[in-house]
Amino acid sequence: MRAFIAINLSDTLKEELVGLQQCLDEKVKGIRWLKPDQLHITMKFLGEIDTDEIAFFAPFLAELGKRMCSFHITFSGLGCFPNNRYPRVVWIGVDEGAEQLSLLSAGIEEVFSFEPKNPLQPEKTKKGSDKFKKKDDFIPHLTLGRRIKKEKVKLAEGLLKEKWRCNNFLHVDAFCLMKSTLRSSGAEYNLLQRFPLHS
């Protein structure tokens, strides 16, 4: 199954983000905005993972949660991936809580730097699995929309310099293992396991 690690949002915050998307829609062309049930903070995309691998990693993720305290996140500032000249993703940045989010990301990466023992390859080391290897530096953000295939993205002049922010904050008290199912209507996400943070 396709899976990823994420921090899910409150309904109140989702409502505010949808309002932000509606405001941006008048100033951005070529972007498809994520639906409310698709909005989340991606901590790590895992790709294909099987149930045995989930069973191996889950206790380590649970232990990570016990070691980290819950925290608050606020959102402000717009950005684009891979860059502002050729945007394929539009996101809002994390202001307060960015440091804690980065620490959590580092902890998750450490968990996935090990791989389950393979009885068919006993000589294979547990350290440094390529399958879940970290690909990019973690940038605290929340994706708002992605480029529509074969369309050119156009941003209104000065858009990224405007002071975009959310009034609502997010209390992060857990991170989650999510299943991603690709459908013609878009990706569908389902909760597989929740890992609480220390309160």
N, C-alpha and C. Protein backbone atom coordinates (compact mmCIF):
# COMPACT_ATOMS: atom_id res chain seq x y z
N MET A 1 0.84 -1.20 0.00
CA MET A 1 0.00 0.00 0.00
C MET A 1 0.88 1.25 0.00
N ARG A 2 0.37 2.35 -0.55
CA ARG A 2 1.06 3.64 -0.48
C ARG A 2 0.76 4.29 0.86
N ALA A 3 1.77 4.83 1.49
CA ALA A 3 1.55 5.41 2.81
C ALA A 3 2.48 6.60 3.05
N PHE A 4 2.14 7.39 4.06
CA PHE A 4 2.97 8.53 4.44
C PHE A 4 2.72 8.85 5.91
N ILE A 5 3.65 9.59 6.51
CA ILE A 5 3.52 10.06 7.88
C ILE A 5 3.06 11.51 7.82
N ALA A 6 2.04 11.86 8.62
CA ALA A 6 1.48 13.20 8.54
C ALA A 6 0.99 13.70 9.89
N ILE A 7 0.78 15.00 9.95
CA ILE A 7 0.07 15.62 11.06
C ILE A 7 -1.26 16.10 10.51
N ASN A 8 -2.33 15.62 11.07
CA ASN A 8 -3.66 15.99 10.60
C ASN A 8 -4.14 17.28 11.25
N LEU A 9 -5.12 17.91 10.61
CA LEU A 9 -5.57 19.24 11.01
C LEU A 9 -6.93 19.22 11.68
N SER A 10 -7.22 20.27 12.43
CA SER A 10 -8.55 20.43 13.01
C SER A 10 -9.50 20.92 11.92
N ASP A 11 -10.79 20.68 12.11
CA ASP A 11 -11.79 21.15 11.15
C ASP A 11 -11.80 22.67 11.04
N THR A 12 -11.58 23.34 12.16
CA THR A 12 -11.57 24.81 12.17
C THR A 12 -10.45 25.34 11.30
N LEU A 13 -9.28 24.75 11.42
CA LEU A 13 -8.15 25.18 10.60
C LEU A 13 -8.38 24.86 9.13
N LYS A 14 -8.96 23.71 8.83
CA LYS A 14 -9.26 23.35 7.44
C LYS A 14 -10.20 24.38 6.82
N GLU A 15 -11.21 24.80 7.58
CA GLU A 15 -12.15 25.81 7.07
C GLU A 15 -11.44 27.11 6.73
N GLU A 16 -10.51 27.52 7.60
CA GLU A 16 -9.77 28.76 7.33
C GLU A 16 -8.87 28.60 6.11
N LEU A 17 -8.24 27.45 5.97
CA LEU A 17 -7.36 27.23 4.83
C LEU A 17 -8.14 27.19 3.51
N VAL A 18 -9.35 26.66 3.54
CA VAL A 18 -10.21 26.67 2.34
C VAL A 18 -10.53 28.11 1.96
N GLY A 19 -10.80 28.95 2.95
CA GLY A 19 -11.03 30.37 2.69
C GLY A 19 -9.81 31.03 2.07
N LEU A 20 -8.63 30.66 2.55
CA LEU A 20 -7.38 31.18 1.99
C LEU A 20 -7.21 30.73 0.54
N GLN A 21 -7.52 29.46 0.28
CA GLN A 21 -7.43 28.96 -1.09
C GLN A 21 -8.36 29.74 -2.03
N GLN A 22 -9.55 30.07 -1.55
CA GLN A 22 -10.51 30.82 -2.36
C GLN A 22 -9.98 32.21 -2.69
N CYS A 23 -9.32 32.83 -1.72
CA CYS A 23 -8.71 34.15 -1.97
C CYS A 23 -7.57 34.04 -2.98
N LEU A 24 -6.78 33.00 -2.85
CA LEU A 24 -5.64 32.80 -3.74
C LEU A 24 -6.08 32.44 -5.15
N ASP A 25 -7.23 31.81 -5.28
CA ASP A 25 -7.71 31.35 -6.59
C ASP A 25 -7.88 32.50 -7.57
N GLU A 26 -8.14 33.70 -7.04
CA GLU A 26 -8.28 34.87 -7.89
C GLU A 26 -6.93 35.41 -8.35
N LYS A 27 -5.86 34.97 -7.69
CA LYS A 27 -4.53 35.51 -7.96
C LYS A 27 -3.55 34.47 -8.51
N VAL A 28 -4.02 33.23 -8.62
CA VAL A 28 -3.15 32.15 -9.08
C VAL A 28 -3.86 31.37 -10.18
N LYS A 29 -3.16 31.10 -11.26
CA LYS A 29 -3.71 30.32 -12.36
C LYS A 29 -2.89 29.04 -12.54
N GLY A 30 -3.57 27.94 -12.88
CA GLY A 30 -2.88 26.69 -13.17
C GLY A 30 -2.64 25.80 -11.96
N ILE A 31 -3.26 26.14 -10.83
CA ILE A 31 -3.11 25.35 -9.60
C ILE A 31 -4.45 24.71 -9.23
N ARG A 32 -4.41 23.41 -8.89
CA ARG A 32 -5.59 22.73 -8.36
C ARG A 32 -5.45 22.69 -6.84
N TRP A 33 -6.42 23.27 -6.15
CA TRP A 33 -6.35 23.37 -4.70
C TRP A 33 -6.78 22.05 -4.04
N LEU A 34 -6.07 21.67 -3.00
CA LEU A 34 -6.40 20.44 -2.29
C LEU A 34 -7.76 20.56 -1.61
N LYS A 35 -8.50 19.46 -1.58
CA LYS A 35 -9.79 19.42 -0.90
C LYS A 35 -9.55 19.42 0.61
N PRO A 36 -10.55 19.84 1.39
CA PRO A 36 -10.38 19.89 2.86
C PRO A 36 -9.87 18.59 3.47
N ASP A 37 -10.38 17.44 2.99
CA ASP A 37 -9.96 16.16 3.58
C ASP A 37 -8.58 15.71 3.11
N GLN A 38 -7.97 16.50 2.21
CA GLN A 38 -6.61 16.20 1.75
C GLN A 38 -5.57 17.09 2.42
N LEU A 39 -6.01 18.09 3.16
CA LEU A 39 -5.08 19.03 3.79
C LEU A 39 -4.44 18.41 5.03
N HIS A 40 -3.11 18.47 5.09
CA HIS A 40 -2.36 17.92 6.22
C HIS A 40 -0.92 18.40 6.10
N ILE A 41 -0.11 18.15 7.11
CA ILE A 41 1.32 18.42 7.04
C ILE A 41 2.03 17.09 6.79
N THR A 42 2.66 16.96 5.65
CA THR A 42 3.40 15.72 5.34
C THR A 42 4.74 15.74 6.07
N MET A 43 4.97 14.71 6.88
CA MET A 43 6.25 14.58 7.58
C MET A 43 7.21 13.70 6.80
N LYS A 44 6.68 12.65 6.17
CA LYS A 44 7.52 11.77 5.35
C LYS A 44 6.64 10.95 4.43
N PHE A 45 6.97 10.95 3.14
CA PHE A 45 6.27 10.09 2.19
C PHE A 45 7.02 8.76 2.14
N LEU A 46 6.31 7.68 2.36
CA LEU A 46 6.93 6.36 2.42
C LEU A 46 6.83 5.58 1.12
N GLY A 47 5.86 5.92 0.28
CA GLY A 47 5.65 5.13 -0.93
C GLY A 47 5.03 3.79 -0.58
N GLU A 48 5.43 2.76 -1.29
CA GLU A 48 4.86 1.43 -1.05
C GLU A 48 5.48 0.80 0.22
N ILE A 49 4.62 0.35 1.11
CA ILE A 49 5.05 -0.28 2.35
C ILE A 49 4.09 -1.43 2.66
N ASP A 50 4.61 -2.54 3.15
CA ASP A 50 3.73 -3.68 3.44
C ASP A 50 3.45 -3.79 4.94
N THR A 51 2.55 -4.67 5.30
CA THR A 51 2.11 -4.78 6.69
C THR A 51 3.24 -5.23 7.62
N ASP A 52 4.15 -6.07 7.13
CA ASP A 52 5.28 -6.49 7.96
C ASP A 52 6.19 -5.31 8.29
N GLU A 53 6.40 -4.43 7.33
CA GLU A 53 7.22 -3.25 7.57
C GLU A 53 6.54 -2.30 8.54
N ILE A 54 5.23 -2.15 8.42
CA ILE A 54 4.49 -1.32 9.36
C ILE A 54 4.62 -1.87 10.77
N ALA A 55 4.49 -3.18 10.91
CA ALA A 55 4.60 -3.82 12.22
C ALA A 55 6.00 -3.63 12.81
N PHE A 56 7.02 -3.57 11.97
CA PHE A 56 8.38 -3.36 12.44
C PHE A 56 8.59 -1.92 12.93
N PHE A 57 8.13 -0.94 12.14
CA PHE A 57 8.41 0.46 12.45
C PHE A 57 7.49 1.04 13.53
N ALA A 58 6.25 0.54 13.64
CA ALA A 58 5.26 1.13 14.54
C ALA A 58 5.74 1.30 15.98
N PRO A 59 6.38 0.29 16.61
CA PRO A 59 6.83 0.48 18.00
C PRO A 59 7.86 1.60 18.15
N PHE A 60 8.72 1.77 17.14
CA PHE A 60 9.73 2.82 17.20
C PHE A 60 9.08 4.20 17.04
N LEU A 61 8.05 4.28 16.20
CA LEU A 61 7.32 5.54 16.03
C LEU A 61 6.57 5.89 17.31
N ALA A 62 5.97 4.88 17.94
CA ALA A 62 5.26 5.09 19.19
C ALA A 62 6.22 5.59 20.28
N GLU A 63 7.41 5.03 20.32
CA GLU A 63 8.42 5.44 21.31
C GLU A 63 8.88 6.87 21.04
N LEU A 64 9.02 7.23 19.78
CA LEU A 64 9.37 8.60 19.42
C LEU A 64 8.32 9.57 19.95
N GLY A 65 7.05 9.22 19.78
CA GLY A 65 5.97 10.07 20.26
C GLY A 65 6.04 10.29 21.76
N LYS A 66 6.39 9.26 22.50
CA LYS A 66 6.48 9.36 23.96
C LYS A 66 7.62 10.28 24.40
N ARG A 67 8.64 10.39 23.56
CA ARG A 67 9.81 11.21 23.91
C ARG A 67 9.61 12.69 23.58
N MET A 68 8.62 12.99 22.72
CA MET A 68 8.42 14.38 22.29
C MET A 68 7.18 14.98 22.92
N CYS A 69 7.29 16.26 23.31
CA CYS A 69 6.16 16.96 23.91
C CYS A 69 5.25 17.54 22.82
N SER A 70 3.97 17.63 23.11
CA SER A 70 3.03 18.27 22.19
C SER A 70 3.40 19.75 22.06
N PHE A 71 2.97 20.38 20.97
CA PHE A 71 3.33 21.78 20.72
C PHE A 71 2.29 22.44 19.82
N HIS A 72 2.41 23.76 19.68
CA HIS A 72 1.50 24.54 18.83
C HIS A 72 2.19 24.96 17.54
N ILE A 73 1.38 25.08 16.49
CA ILE A 73 1.87 25.55 15.20
C ILE A 73 1.01 26.72 14.72
N THR A 74 1.68 27.75 14.20
CA THR A 74 0.96 28.81 13.49
C THR A 74 1.48 28.85 12.06
N PHE A 75 0.66 29.36 11.15
CA PHE A 75 0.99 29.35 9.72
C PHE A 75 1.04 30.77 9.16
N SER A 76 2.08 31.05 8.37
CA SER A 76 2.17 32.34 7.70
C SER A 76 3.18 32.27 6.57
N GLY A 77 2.98 33.10 5.56
CA GLY A 77 3.91 33.21 4.44
C GLY A 77 3.69 32.14 3.38
N LEU A 78 3.61 32.58 2.13
CA LEU A 78 3.44 31.65 1.02
C LEU A 78 4.77 31.32 0.37
N GLY A 79 4.87 30.13 -0.19
CA GLY A 79 6.06 29.71 -0.91
C GLY A 79 5.69 28.72 -2.00
N CYS A 80 6.67 28.36 -2.82
CA CYS A 80 6.44 27.43 -3.92
C CYS A 80 7.58 26.42 -4.02
N PHE A 81 7.25 25.23 -4.48
CA PHE A 81 8.24 24.22 -4.84
C PHE A 81 8.16 23.97 -6.33
N PRO A 82 9.25 23.75 -7.05
CA PRO A 82 10.61 23.73 -6.53
C PRO A 82 11.19 25.11 -6.29
N ASN A 83 10.60 26.15 -6.94
CA ASN A 83 11.03 27.53 -6.72
C ASN A 83 9.92 28.46 -7.19
N ASN A 84 10.11 29.76 -6.96
CA ASN A 84 9.06 30.73 -7.27
C ASN A 84 8.91 31.00 -8.76
N ARG A 85 9.96 30.73 -9.54
CA ARG A 85 9.91 31.00 -10.99
C ARG A 85 9.14 29.91 -11.73
N TYR A 86 9.27 28.66 -11.26
CA TYR A 86 8.60 27.54 -11.92
C TYR A 86 7.81 26.73 -10.87
N PRO A 87 6.75 27.32 -10.33
CA PRO A 87 6.03 26.66 -9.22
C PRO A 87 5.22 25.45 -9.68
N ARG A 88 5.35 24.37 -8.92
CA ARG A 88 4.50 23.20 -9.13
C ARG A 88 3.64 22.95 -7.89
N VAL A 89 4.05 23.50 -6.77
CA VAL A 89 3.33 23.37 -5.51
C VAL A 89 3.27 24.74 -4.83
N VAL A 90 2.10 25.10 -4.33
CA VAL A 90 1.95 26.33 -3.54
C VAL A 90 1.67 25.93 -2.11
N TRP A 91 2.41 26.53 -1.18
CA TRP A 91 2.26 26.14 0.23
C TRP A 91 2.25 27.34 1.15
N ILE A 92 1.78 27.13 2.38
CA ILE A 92 1.87 28.13 3.43
C ILE A 92 2.88 27.62 4.45
N GLY A 93 3.72 28.52 4.94
CA GLY A 93 4.80 28.12 5.83
C GLY A 93 4.38 27.99 7.28
N VAL A 94 5.24 27.37 8.06
CA VAL A 94 5.03 27.22 9.50
C VAL A 94 5.85 28.29 10.20
N ASP A 95 5.22 29.02 11.10
CA ASP A 95 5.89 30.09 11.85
C ASP A 95 6.25 29.54 13.23
N GLU A 96 5.39 29.75 14.21
CA GLU A 96 5.61 29.16 15.53
C GLU A 96 5.52 27.64 15.43
N GLY A 97 6.43 26.94 16.07
CA GLY A 97 6.43 25.48 16.05
C GLY A 97 7.31 24.86 14.98
N ALA A 98 7.97 25.70 14.17
CA ALA A 98 8.81 25.18 13.09
C ALA A 98 9.98 24.34 13.64
N GLU A 99 10.56 24.80 14.75
CA GLU A 99 11.70 24.07 15.32
C GLU A 99 11.27 22.70 15.83
N GLN A 100 10.14 22.65 16.54
CA GLN A 100 9.64 21.36 17.05
C GLN A 100 9.27 20.43 15.91
N LEU A 101 8.70 20.99 14.84
CA LEU A 101 8.33 20.18 13.69
C LEU A 101 9.57 19.58 13.02
N SER A 102 10.63 20.36 12.95
CA SER A 102 11.87 19.87 12.36
C SER A 102 12.49 18.77 13.23
N LEU A 103 12.40 18.92 14.55
CA LEU A 103 12.91 17.89 15.46
C LEU A 103 12.13 16.59 15.30
N LEU A 104 10.81 16.72 15.14
CA LEU A 104 9.98 15.54 14.92
C LEU A 104 10.34 14.88 13.60
N SER A 105 10.56 15.68 12.56
CA SER A 105 10.97 15.15 11.27
C SER A 105 12.28 14.37 11.39
N ALA A 106 13.25 14.94 12.12
CA ALA A 106 14.54 14.27 12.30
C ALA A 106 14.37 12.93 13.02
N GLY A 107 13.47 12.91 14.01
CA GLY A 107 13.20 11.66 14.73
C GLY A 107 12.58 10.61 13.84
N ILE A 108 11.66 11.02 12.98
CA ILE A 108 11.02 10.08 12.04
C ILE A 108 12.04 9.54 11.05
N GLU A 109 12.91 10.43 10.56
CA GLU A 109 13.96 9.98 9.63
C GLU A 109 14.88 8.96 10.29
N GLU A 110 15.18 9.15 11.57
CA GLU A 110 16.04 8.21 12.28
C GLU A 110 15.38 6.84 12.37
N VAL A 111 14.08 6.83 12.65
CA VAL A 111 13.35 5.56 12.72
C VAL A 111 13.45 4.81 11.39
N PHE A 112 13.26 5.54 10.28
CA PHE A 112 13.24 4.89 8.97
C PHE A 112 14.63 4.72 8.36
N SER A 113 15.67 5.05 9.13
CA SER A 113 17.02 4.77 8.66
C SER A 113 17.39 3.30 8.91
N PHE A 114 16.53 2.59 9.65
CA PHE A 114 16.71 1.16 9.88
C PHE A 114 15.73 0.39 9.02
N GLU A 115 16.04 -0.84 8.72
CA GLU A 115 15.14 -1.65 7.92
C GLU A 115 14.89 -3.00 8.60
N PRO A 116 13.73 -3.57 8.36
CA PRO A 116 13.43 -4.87 8.97
C PRO A 116 14.44 -5.93 8.55
N LYS A 117 14.67 -6.89 9.44
CA LYS A 117 15.57 -8.00 9.12
C LYS A 117 14.95 -8.84 8.01
N ASN A 118 15.77 -9.24 7.08
CA ASN A 118 15.33 -10.08 5.98
C ASN A 118 15.98 -11.46 6.13
N PRO A 119 15.20 -12.50 6.47
CA PRO A 119 15.78 -13.82 6.69
C PRO A 119 16.45 -14.40 5.45
N LEU A 120 16.09 -13.87 4.27
CA LEU A 120 16.70 -14.36 3.03
C LEU A 120 18.04 -13.67 2.76
N GLN A 121 18.30 -12.55 3.48
CA GLN A 121 19.55 -11.84 3.33
C GLN A 121 20.12 -11.50 4.71
N PRO A 122 20.54 -12.49 5.48
CA PRO A 122 20.99 -12.25 6.84
C PRO A 122 22.23 -11.36 6.92
N GLU A 123 23.00 -11.28 5.82
CA GLU A 123 24.20 -10.47 5.86
C GLU A 123 23.91 -8.98 5.66
N LYS A 124 22.68 -8.66 5.27
CA LYS A 124 22.33 -7.27 4.99
C LYS A 124 22.23 -6.48 6.29
N THR A 125 22.86 -5.34 6.35
CA THR A 125 22.84 -4.54 7.58
C THR A 125 21.48 -3.89 7.77
N LYS A 126 21.15 -3.60 9.03
CA LYS A 126 19.89 -2.93 9.33
C LYS A 126 19.98 -1.43 9.11
N LYS A 127 21.19 -0.89 9.12
CA LYS A 127 21.36 0.56 9.03
C LYS A 127 21.37 1.03 7.57
N GLY A 128 20.63 2.12 7.31
CA GLY A 128 20.74 2.76 6.01
C GLY A 128 19.86 2.17 4.93
N SER A 129 18.59 1.94 5.21
CA SER A 129 17.69 1.42 4.18
C SER A 129 17.52 2.44 3.05
N ASP A 130 17.71 2.02 1.79
CA ASP A 130 17.53 2.91 0.65
C ASP A 130 16.06 3.16 0.37
N LYS A 131 15.23 2.19 0.70
CA LYS A 131 13.81 2.29 0.37
C LYS A 131 13.16 3.51 1.01
N PHE A 132 13.51 3.81 2.26
CA PHE A 132 12.90 4.93 2.97
C PHE A 132 13.91 6.05 3.21
N LYS A 133 14.93 6.09 2.38
CA LYS A 133 15.99 7.09 2.55
C LYS A 133 15.45 8.50 2.36
N LYS A 134 15.95 9.41 3.19
CA LYS A 134 15.55 10.82 3.10
C LYS A 134 15.99 11.39 1.76
N LYS A 135 15.07 12.07 1.05
CA LYS A 135 15.38 12.58 -0.29
C LYS A 135 15.72 14.07 -0.29
N ASP A 136 15.03 14.85 0.53
CA ASP A 136 15.23 16.30 0.54
C ASP A 136 15.28 16.80 1.97
N ASP A 137 15.86 17.99 2.14
CA ASP A 137 15.84 18.62 3.45
C ASP A 137 14.40 18.96 3.81
N PHE A 138 14.06 18.82 5.08
CA PHE A 138 12.70 19.07 5.53
C PHE A 138 12.46 20.57 5.65
N ILE A 139 11.43 21.06 4.99
CA ILE A 139 11.01 22.46 5.08
C ILE A 139 9.61 22.48 5.68
N PRO A 140 9.44 23.00 6.90
CA PRO A 140 8.11 23.03 7.54
C PRO A 140 7.10 23.81 6.69
N HIS A 141 6.07 23.14 6.22
CA HIS A 141 5.08 23.79 5.37
C HIS A 141 3.82 22.94 5.29
N LEU A 142 2.78 23.53 4.72
CA LEU A 142 1.53 22.81 4.47
C LEU A 142 1.12 23.09 3.03
N THR A 143 1.01 22.04 2.22
CA THR A 143 0.67 22.19 0.81
C THR A 143 -0.78 22.61 0.65
N LEU A 144 -0.98 23.68 -0.15
CA LEU A 144 -2.33 24.18 -0.43
C LEU A 144 -2.83 23.72 -1.81
N GLY A 145 -1.93 23.61 -2.76
CA GLY A 145 -2.36 23.23 -4.10
C GLY A 145 -1.19 22.77 -4.96
N ARG A 146 -1.51 22.05 -6.03
CA ARG A 146 -0.50 21.54 -6.95
C ARG A 146 -0.86 21.92 -8.39
N ARG A 147 0.17 21.99 -9.23
CA ARG A 147 -0.02 22.39 -10.62
C ARG A 147 -0.94 21.44 -11.36
N ILE A 148 -1.85 22.02 -12.13
CA ILE A 148 -2.70 21.21 -13.00
C ILE A 148 -1.85 20.71 -14.15
N LYS A 149 -1.92 19.42 -14.43
CA LYS A 149 -1.07 18.80 -15.45
C LYS A 149 -1.19 19.54 -16.79
N LYS A 150 -0.03 19.81 -17.39
CA LYS A 150 0.10 20.44 -18.71
C LYS A 150 -0.30 21.92 -18.72
N GLU A 151 -0.57 22.50 -17.55
CA GLU A 151 -0.89 23.92 -17.49
C GLU A 151 0.27 24.70 -16.89
N LYS A 152 0.43 25.94 -17.32
CA LYS A 152 1.47 26.81 -16.79
C LYS A 152 0.92 27.59 -15.60
N VAL A 153 1.69 27.61 -14.52
CA VAL A 153 1.25 28.32 -13.31
C VAL A 153 1.63 29.79 -13.42
N LYS A 154 0.66 30.65 -13.12
CA LYS A 154 0.92 32.10 -13.11
C LYS A 154 0.49 32.66 -11.76
N LEU A 155 1.42 33.38 -11.12
CA LEU A 155 1.14 34.02 -9.83
C LEU A 155 1.02 35.52 -10.03
N ALA A 156 0.05 36.15 -9.37
CA ALA A 156 -0.09 37.60 -9.44
C ALA A 156 1.18 38.26 -8.92
N GLU A 157 1.54 39.36 -9.53
CA GLU A 157 2.77 40.06 -9.14
C GLU A 157 2.73 40.46 -7.66
N GLY A 158 3.80 40.15 -6.95
CA GLY A 158 3.89 40.52 -5.54
C GLY A 158 3.13 39.61 -4.60
N LEU A 159 2.54 38.54 -5.14
CA LEU A 159 1.71 37.66 -4.31
C LEU A 159 2.48 37.07 -3.13
N LEU A 160 3.69 36.60 -3.37
CA LEU A 160 4.45 35.92 -2.33
C LEU A 160 5.02 36.89 -1.29
N LYS A 161 4.96 38.16 -1.58
CA LYS A 161 5.44 39.17 -0.62
C LYS A 161 4.34 39.65 0.32
N GLU A 162 3.09 39.32 -0.02
CA GLU A 162 1.97 39.71 0.84
C GLU A 162 1.99 38.91 2.15
N LYS A 163 1.41 39.47 3.19
CA LYS A 163 1.45 38.84 4.52
C LYS A 163 0.25 37.90 4.70
N TRP A 164 0.36 36.73 4.11
CA TRP A 164 -0.68 35.72 4.25
C TRP A 164 -0.45 34.97 5.56
N ARG A 165 -1.50 34.79 6.34
CA ARG A 165 -1.37 34.06 7.59
C ARG A 165 -2.71 33.48 8.02
N CYS A 166 -2.67 32.48 8.91
CA CYS A 166 -3.88 31.89 9.49
C CYS A 166 -4.10 32.45 10.89
N ASN A 167 -5.33 32.73 11.22
CA ASN A 167 -5.66 33.22 12.56
C ASN A 167 -5.70 32.06 13.56
N ASN A 168 -6.08 30.88 13.08
CA ASN A 168 -6.17 29.71 13.96
C ASN A 168 -4.83 29.00 14.04
N PHE A 169 -4.52 28.46 15.22
CA PHE A 169 -3.30 27.67 15.38
C PHE A 169 -3.67 26.19 15.43
N LEU A 170 -2.66 25.35 15.33
CA LEU A 170 -2.86 23.90 15.41
C LEU A 170 -2.13 23.36 16.63
N HIS A 171 -2.84 22.64 17.48
CA HIS A 171 -2.21 21.96 18.61
C HIS A 171 -1.81 20.57 18.14
N VAL A 172 -0.52 20.32 18.08
CA VAL A 172 0.00 19.04 17.61
C VAL A 172 0.19 18.11 18.80
N ASP A 173 -0.66 17.11 18.92
CA ASP A 173 -0.56 16.16 20.02
C ASP A 173 -0.34 14.74 19.52
N ALA A 174 -0.13 14.59 18.19
CA ALA A 174 0.11 13.26 17.62
C ALA A 174 0.57 13.41 16.17
N PHE A 175 1.21 12.37 15.66
CA PHE A 175 1.46 12.26 14.23
C PHE A 175 0.89 10.91 13.79
N CYS A 176 0.60 10.77 12.50
CA CYS A 176 -0.19 9.63 12.04
C CYS A 176 0.43 8.93 10.83
N LEU A 177 0.21 7.64 10.78
CA LEU A 177 0.53 6.85 9.59
C LEU A 177 -0.74 6.80 8.75
N MET A 178 -0.64 7.29 7.52
CA MET A 178 -1.80 7.41 6.65
C MET A 178 -1.64 6.54 5.40
N LYS A 179 -2.75 5.98 4.96
CA LYS A 179 -2.79 5.23 3.70
C LYS A 179 -3.29 6.15 2.59
N SER A 180 -2.65 6.10 1.44
CA SER A 180 -3.04 6.91 0.30
C SER A 180 -3.52 6.01 -0.84
N THR A 181 -4.76 6.23 -1.27
CA THR A 181 -5.33 5.47 -2.38
C THR A 181 -5.60 6.43 -3.53
N LEU A 182 -5.02 6.17 -4.69
CA LEU A 182 -5.20 7.03 -5.85
C LEU A 182 -6.47 6.67 -6.59
N ARG A 183 -7.34 7.65 -6.75
CA ARG A 183 -8.60 7.45 -7.48
C ARG A 183 -8.71 8.51 -8.57
N SER A 184 -9.65 8.32 -9.49
CA SER A 184 -9.83 9.27 -10.59
C SER A 184 -10.21 10.65 -10.08
N SER A 185 -10.87 10.70 -8.92
CA SER A 185 -11.29 11.97 -8.33
C SER A 185 -10.20 12.61 -7.49
N GLY A 186 -9.05 11.92 -7.34
CA GLY A 186 -7.95 12.43 -6.53
C GLY A 186 -7.57 11.43 -5.45
N ALA A 187 -6.53 11.77 -4.71
CA ALA A 187 -6.05 10.87 -3.65
C ALA A 187 -7.03 10.83 -2.48
N GLU A 188 -7.21 9.64 -1.94
CA GLU A 188 -8.06 9.45 -0.77
C GLU A 188 -7.17 8.97 0.38
N TYR A 189 -7.29 9.62 1.54
CA TYR A 189 -6.43 9.31 2.68
C TYR A 189 -7.22 8.66 3.81
N ASN A 190 -6.63 7.63 4.40
CA ASN A 190 -7.25 6.94 5.53
C ASN A 190 -6.22 6.72 6.63
N LEU A 191 -6.65 6.89 7.87
CA LEU A 191 -5.78 6.72 9.02
C LEU A 191 -5.50 5.24 9.26
N LEU A 192 -4.22 4.90 9.39
CA LEU A 192 -3.81 3.54 9.71
C LEU A 192 -3.44 3.43 11.19
N GLN A 193 -2.68 4.41 11.69
CA GLN A 193 -2.22 4.35 13.08
C GLN A 193 -1.88 5.76 13.56
N ARG A 194 -2.19 6.03 14.82
CA ARG A 194 -1.94 7.33 15.42
C ARG A 194 -0.91 7.18 16.53
N PHE A 195 0.07 8.10 16.55
CA PHE A 195 1.15 8.04 17.55
C PHE A 195 1.11 9.31 18.39
N PRO A 196 0.56 9.23 19.61
CA PRO A 196 0.43 10.42 20.46
C PRO A 196 1.78 10.95 20.92
N LEU A 197 1.84 12.28 21.11
CA LEU A 197 3.00 12.93 21.69
C LEU A 197 2.79 13.07 23.19
N HIS A 198 3.88 13.20 23.91
CA HIS A 198 3.82 13.38 25.35
C HIS A 198 3.16 14.72 25.66
N SER A 199 2.17 14.75 26.53
CA SER A 199 1.47 16.00 26.84
C SER A 199 2.17 16.78 27.94
